[in-house]
Amino acid sequence: MKIQIPELSELLKNEIQFIDVRFKEEYELWLFSFTKNIPLNEMPNRLSEIDKDKLVVTACPHYDRAIMGRILLMQNGVNARYLVEGLLGLADYLRGDNAKHFYDSVNK
């Protein structure tokens, strides 16, 4: 199942796990402070880092790797969704007043 950006800010209040599935190098070049990086190619070996009792949202620049990450997690008993607009969509959304509103809603 997919989620959209406005829903993400609400879900982040509930301490979901927001997993950035990009490669380490991509993540280190630009990142969001509220994500955890578990690259898709490392995910099968890092499943122990994921809390199966929490909702997980996966993300990548667009959505292709995020969908694959979601499928892998679901096959391992994790309730997972993916961010349909991707991280590029999120970066575009987080400008001006939207950034302040998103930040305020997540940090309340």
Protein backbone atom coordinates (compact mmCIF):
# COMPACT_ATOMS: atom_id res chain seq x y z
CA MET A 1 0.00 0.00 0.00
CA LYS A 2 1.19 3.50 -0.72
CA ILE A 3 0.99 6.71 1.28
CA GLN A 4 1.20 10.34 0.22
CA ILE A 5 3.19 13.18 1.76
CA PRO A 6 0.38 14.81 3.80
CA GLU A 7 -0.32 11.46 5.47
CA LEU A 8 3.39 10.98 6.18
CA SER A 9 3.56 13.94 8.58
CA GLU A 10 0.69 12.46 10.60
CA LEU A 11 2.29 9.01 10.63
CA LEU A 12 5.66 10.39 11.76
CA LYS A 13 3.97 11.70 14.92
CA ASN A 14 3.20 8.09 15.81
CA GLU A 15 6.85 7.08 15.71
CA ILE A 16 6.70 4.98 12.57
CA GLN A 17 9.92 3.79 11.01
CA PHE A 18 10.71 5.79 7.88
CA ILE A 19 13.30 3.79 5.95
CA ASP A 20 15.34 5.38 3.17
CA VAL A 21 16.34 2.48 0.90
CA ARG A 22 18.89 4.41 -1.19
CA PHE A 23 22.54 3.37 -1.33
CA LYS A 24 24.71 4.76 1.47
CA GLU A 25 26.45 7.19 -0.89
CA GLU A 26 23.14 8.62 -2.12
CA TYR A 27 21.91 8.97 1.46
CA GLU A 28 25.06 10.75 2.65
CA LEU A 29 24.86 13.31 -0.16
CA TRP A 30 21.38 14.45 0.88
CA LEU A 31 19.28 13.11 3.70
CA PHE A 32 16.25 13.79 5.84
CA SER A 33 16.84 13.82 9.60
CA PHE A 34 13.71 11.76 10.25
CA THR A 35 14.77 8.76 8.11
CA LYS A 36 16.90 5.70 8.79
CA ASN A 37 19.06 4.45 5.95
CA ILE A 38 18.84 0.73 5.19
CA PRO A 39 19.87 0.31 1.55
CA LEU A 40 17.68 -2.09 -0.40
CA ASN A 41 20.63 -4.37 -1.19
CA GLU A 42 21.42 -4.64 2.57
CA MET A 43 17.84 -5.01 3.78
CA PRO A 44 17.70 -8.85 3.86
CA ASN A 45 20.67 -8.85 6.26
CA ARG A 46 19.41 -5.94 8.38
CA LEU A 47 15.84 -7.02 9.10
CA SER A 48 16.69 -7.25 12.81
CA GLU A 49 16.96 -3.43 12.87
CA ILE A 50 13.29 -3.09 11.96
CA ASP A 51 10.61 -3.17 14.65
CA LYS A 52 7.85 -5.47 13.38
CA ASP A 53 5.41 -3.87 15.84
CA LYS A 54 5.58 -0.50 14.08
CA LEU A 55 4.41 0.62 10.68
CA VAL A 56 7.31 1.03 8.26
CA VAL A 57 7.32 3.48 5.35
CA THR A 58 9.96 2.96 2.67
CA ALA A 59 11.22 5.68 0.35
CA CYS A 60 13.69 6.28 -2.47
CA PRO A 61 14.04 9.13 -4.98
CA HIS A 62 10.99 8.01 -6.95
CA TYR A 63 9.25 4.84 -5.77
CA ASP A 64 10.71 1.81 -7.56
CA ARG A 65 13.19 0.69 -4.87
CA ALA A 66 10.71 1.70 -2.16
CA ILE A 67 8.15 -0.72 -3.61
CA MET A 68 10.73 -3.53 -3.67
CA GLY A 69 11.68 -2.75 -0.07
CA ARG A 70 8.04 -2.81 0.96
CA ILE A 71 7.52 -6.20 -0.69
CA LEU A 72 10.60 -7.63 1.05
CA LEU A 73 9.40 -6.33 4.41
CA MET A 74 5.87 -7.65 3.91
CA GLN A 75 7.30 -11.09 3.05
CA ASN A 76 9.02 -10.95 6.44
CA GLY A 77 5.92 -10.08 8.44
CA VAL A 78 6.36 -6.29 8.57
CA ASN A 79 3.44 -3.90 8.03
CA ALA A 80 4.95 -1.66 5.36
CA ARG A 81 3.94 1.07 2.93
CA TYR A 82 5.89 3.16 0.44
CA LEU A 83 5.97 6.91 -0.23
CA VAL A 84 4.37 7.28 -3.66
CA GLU A 85 5.87 10.71 -4.44
CA GLY A 86 9.34 9.54 -3.44
CA LEU A 87 12.03 11.56 -1.73
CA LEU A 88 12.30 13.95 -4.68
CA GLY A 89 8.59 14.69 -4.31
CA LEU A 90 9.07 15.16 -0.57
CA ALA A 91 12.00 17.55 -1.13
CA ASP A 92 9.90 19.53 -3.60
CA TYR A 93 6.99 19.61 -1.15
CA LEU A 94 9.15 20.81 1.76
CA ARG A 95 9.62 24.40 0.63
CA GLY A 96 8.57 27.58 2.37
CA ASP A 97 5.49 27.31 4.52
CA ASN A 98 5.08 23.60 3.78
CA ALA A 99 8.45 22.91 5.41
CA LYS A 100 7.49 24.83 8.54
CA HIS A 101 4.10 23.14 8.76
CA PHE A 102 5.64 19.68 8.21
CA TYR A 103 8.38 20.33 10.79
CA ASP A 104 5.92 21.69 13.36
CA SER A 105 3.50 18.79 12.89
CA VAL A 106 6.25 16.17 13.23
CA ASN A 107 7.88 17.81 16.27
CA LYS A 108 4.78 18.37 18.40
